[in-house]
C-alpha atoms as a PDB file:
ATOM      1  CA  MET A   1      87.513  99.492  95.391  1.00  0.00           C
ATOM      2  CA  SER A   2      86.727  98.448  99.104  1.00  0.00           C
ATOM      3  CA  SER A   3      87.547  94.753  98.504  1.00  0.00           C
ATOM      4  CA  PHE A   4      90.979  95.955  96.272  1.00  0.00           C
ATOM      5  CA  ASN A   5      91.802  98.119  99.759  1.00  0.00           C
ATOM      6  CA  SER A   6      91.535  95.366 102.179  1.00  0.00           C
ATOM      7  CA  MET A   7      92.929  92.777  99.617  1.00  0.00           C
ATOM      8  CA  ILE A   8      96.224  95.087  99.635  1.00  0.00           C
ATOM      9  CA  GLN A   9      96.837  95.369 103.252  1.00  0.00           C
ATOM     10  CA  SER A  10      98.176  92.071 103.647  1.00  0.00           C
ATOM     11  CA  ASP A  11     101.197  91.425 105.287  1.00  0.00           C
ATOM     12  CA  LYS A  12     102.314  89.260 102.663  1.00  0.00           C
ATOM     13  CA  PRO A  13     103.486  91.422  99.414  1.00  0.00           C
ATOM     14  CA  VAL A  14     100.841  91.837  96.542  1.00  0.00           C
ATOM     15  CA  LEU A  15     101.756  91.945  93.498  1.00  0.00           C
ATOM     16  CA  VAL A  16      99.422  93.881  91.746  1.00  0.00           C
ATOM     17  CA  ASP A  17      99.146  93.989  87.336  1.00  0.00           C
ATOM     18  CA  PHE A  18      96.884  96.418  85.869  1.00  0.00           C
ATOM     19  CA  PHE A  19      96.688  95.656  82.256  1.00  0.00           C
ATOM     20  CA  ALA A  20      94.160  95.698  79.065  1.00  0.00           C
ATOM     21  CA  THR A  21      92.786  92.720  77.025  1.00  0.00           C
ATOM     22  CA  TRP A  22      93.616  94.889  73.948  1.00  0.00           C
ATOM     23  CA  CYS A  23      97.309  95.677  74.899  1.00  0.00           C
ATOM     24  CA  GLY A  24     100.015  93.300  73.793  1.00  0.00           C
ATOM     25  CA  PRO A  25     102.749  93.884  76.413  1.00  0.00           C
ATOM     26  CA  CYS A  26     100.003  92.836  78.933  1.00  0.00           C
ATOM     27  CA  LYS A  27      99.494  89.332  76.894  1.00  0.00           C
ATOM     28  CA  THR A  28     103.371  88.664  77.693  1.00  0.00           C
ATOM     29  CA  MET A  29     103.309  89.846  81.451  1.00  0.00           C
ATOM     30  CA  SER A  30     100.446  86.438  82.094  1.00  0.00           C
ATOM     31  CA  PRO A  31     103.306  83.515  81.280  1.00  0.00           C
ATOM     32  CA  ILE A  32     105.741  85.776  83.433  1.00  0.00           C
ATOM     33  CA  LEU A  33     103.165  86.000  86.654  1.00  0.00           C
ATOM     34  CA  GLU A  34     102.609  82.424  86.278  1.00  0.00           C
ATOM     35  CA  LYS A  35     105.928  81.446  86.595  1.00  0.00           C
ATOM     36  CA  VAL A  36     106.386  84.070  89.785  1.00  0.00           C
ATOM     37  CA  LYS A  37     103.242  82.575  91.381  1.00  0.00           C
ATOM     38  CA  ALA A  38     104.844  79.002  90.643  1.00  0.00           C
ATOM     39  CA  GLN A  39     108.173  79.402  92.244  1.00  0.00           C
ATOM     40  CA  LEU A  40     106.495  81.864  95.158  1.00  0.00           C
ATOM     41  CA  GLY A  41     103.678  80.042  95.697  1.00  0.00           C
ATOM     42  CA  GLU A  42     101.395  81.440  99.050  1.00  0.00           C
ATOM     43  CA  GLY A  43     104.592  83.766  99.379  1.00  0.00           C
ATOM     44  CA  VAL A  44     102.570  86.302  97.481  1.00  0.00           C
ATOM     45  CA  THR A  45      99.477  87.071  96.055  1.00  0.00           C
ATOM     46  CA  ILE A  46      98.829  88.172  92.633  1.00  0.00           C
ATOM     47  CA  LEU A  47      95.722  90.177  91.383  1.00  0.00           C
ATOM     48  CA  LYS A  48      95.044  91.431  87.987  1.00  0.00           C
ATOM     49  CA  VAL A  49      93.212  94.429  87.207  1.00  0.00           C
ATOM     50  CA  ASP A  50      91.563  94.983  84.262  1.00  0.00           C
ATOM     51  CA  VAL A  51      91.840  99.226  83.464  1.00  0.00           C
ATOM     52  CA  ASP A  52      89.195  99.051  81.432  1.00  0.00           C
ATOM     53  CA  LYS A  53      86.523  97.289  84.000  1.00  0.00           C
ATOM     54  CA  ASN A  54      88.275  98.744  87.274  1.00  0.00           C
ATOM     55  CA  PRO A  55      89.131 102.784  85.820  1.00  0.00           C
ATOM     56  CA  LYS A  56      88.731 104.422  89.152  1.00  0.00           C
ATOM     57  CA  VAL A  57      91.157 101.874  90.895  1.00  0.00           C
ATOM     58  CA  ALA A  58      93.639 102.327  87.903  1.00  0.00           C
ATOM     59  CA  ALA A  59      93.242 106.181  88.304  1.00  0.00           C
ATOM     60  CA  SER A  60      93.780 106.151  91.848  1.00  0.00           C
ATOM     61  CA  TYR A  61      97.140 104.720  91.421  1.00  0.00           C
ATOM     62  CA  GLN A  62      97.871 107.569  88.497  1.00  0.00           C
ATOM     63  CA  VAL A  63      97.918 104.254  85.971  1.00  0.00           C
ATOM     64  CA  ARG A  64      98.504 105.773  82.722  1.00  0.00           C
ATOM     65  CA  GLY A  65     100.243 102.812  80.736  1.00  0.00           C
ATOM     66  CA  VAL A  66      99.855  99.271  80.647  1.00  0.00           C
ATOM     67  CA  PRO A  67     101.024  96.897  81.722  1.00  0.00           C
ATOM     68  CA  THR A  68     101.629  98.575  85.302  1.00  0.00           C
ATOM     69  CA  LEU A  69     102.852  96.612  87.969  1.00  0.00           C
ATOM     70  CA  ILE A  70     102.729  97.667  91.909  1.00  0.00           C
ATOM     71  CA  ILE A  71     103.847  95.888  94.774  1.00  0.00           C
ATOM     72  CA  PHE A  72     101.828  96.097  97.711  1.00  0.00           C
ATOM     73  CA  LYS A  73     102.772  95.314 101.603  1.00  0.00           C
ATOM     74  CA  GLU A  74     100.509  96.394 104.134  1.00  0.00           C
ATOM     75  CA  GLY A  75      98.506  98.666 102.147  1.00  0.00           C
ATOM     76  CA  GLN A  76     101.738 100.460 101.054  1.00  0.00           C
ATOM     77  CA  ILE A  77     103.345 100.854  97.967  1.00  0.00           C
ATOM     78  CA  MET A  78     106.906  99.008  97.950  1.00  0.00           C
ATOM     79  CA  TRP A  79     107.775  99.241  94.051  1.00  0.00           C
ATOM     80  CA  ARG A  80     106.014 100.319  90.814  1.00  0.00           C
ATOM     81  CA  GLN A  81     106.920  99.820  87.285  1.00  0.00           C
ATOM     82  CA  SER A  82     105.700  99.905  83.456  1.00  0.00           C
ATOM     83  CA  GLY A  83     105.999  97.667  80.897  1.00  0.00           C
ATOM     84  CA  VAL A  84     107.046  93.823  80.740  1.00  0.00           C
ATOM     85  CA  VAL A  85     109.406  92.777  84.083  1.00  0.00           C
ATOM     86  CA  SER A  86     111.116  89.233  83.764  1.00  0.00           C
ATOM     87  CA  ASP A  87     110.113  86.414  86.334  1.00  0.00           C
ATOM     88  CA  SER A  88     113.470  86.992  87.570  1.00  0.00           C
ATOM     89  CA  ASP A  89     113.487  90.368  88.468  1.00  0.00           C
ATOM     90  CA  LEU A  90     110.019  90.032  90.468  1.00  0.00           C
ATOM     91  CA  ILE A  91     111.062  87.134  92.030  1.00  0.00           C
ATOM     92  CA  GLY A  92     114.147  88.728  93.319  1.00  0.00           C
ATOM     93  CA  LEU A  93     111.738  91.758  94.013  1.00  0.00           C
ATOM     94  CA  LEU A  94     108.887  89.609  96.208  1.00  0.00           C
ATOM     95  CA  ARG A  95     111.586  87.441  98.280  1.00  0.00           C
ATOM     96  CA  GLN A  96     113.456  90.588  99.279  1.00  0.00           C
ATOM     97  CA  MET A  97     110.007  92.161 100.717  1.00  0.00           C
ATOM     98  CA  SER A  98     108.524  88.588 102.255  1.00  0.00           C
END
């Protein structure tokens, strides 16, 4: 948890994907996140958090469904949504926050 907290303190956007290995829509998000990283490169950090392996982190952000995507900047939640989000929507959001 402490390493997670230090990672989300970044002054560049940190996109956290709360997922589960058994979740179909979560599998859909993986190639979308790869596209986002390819487009934005060093401008964004993308973290994947397995809710089954990290229940305390998921609970601390009230993650009730997967996938849940949260964008942090300097430790603050800037945006949050559950479900699949398109690469173009994510890229647009992250560019606004950079």
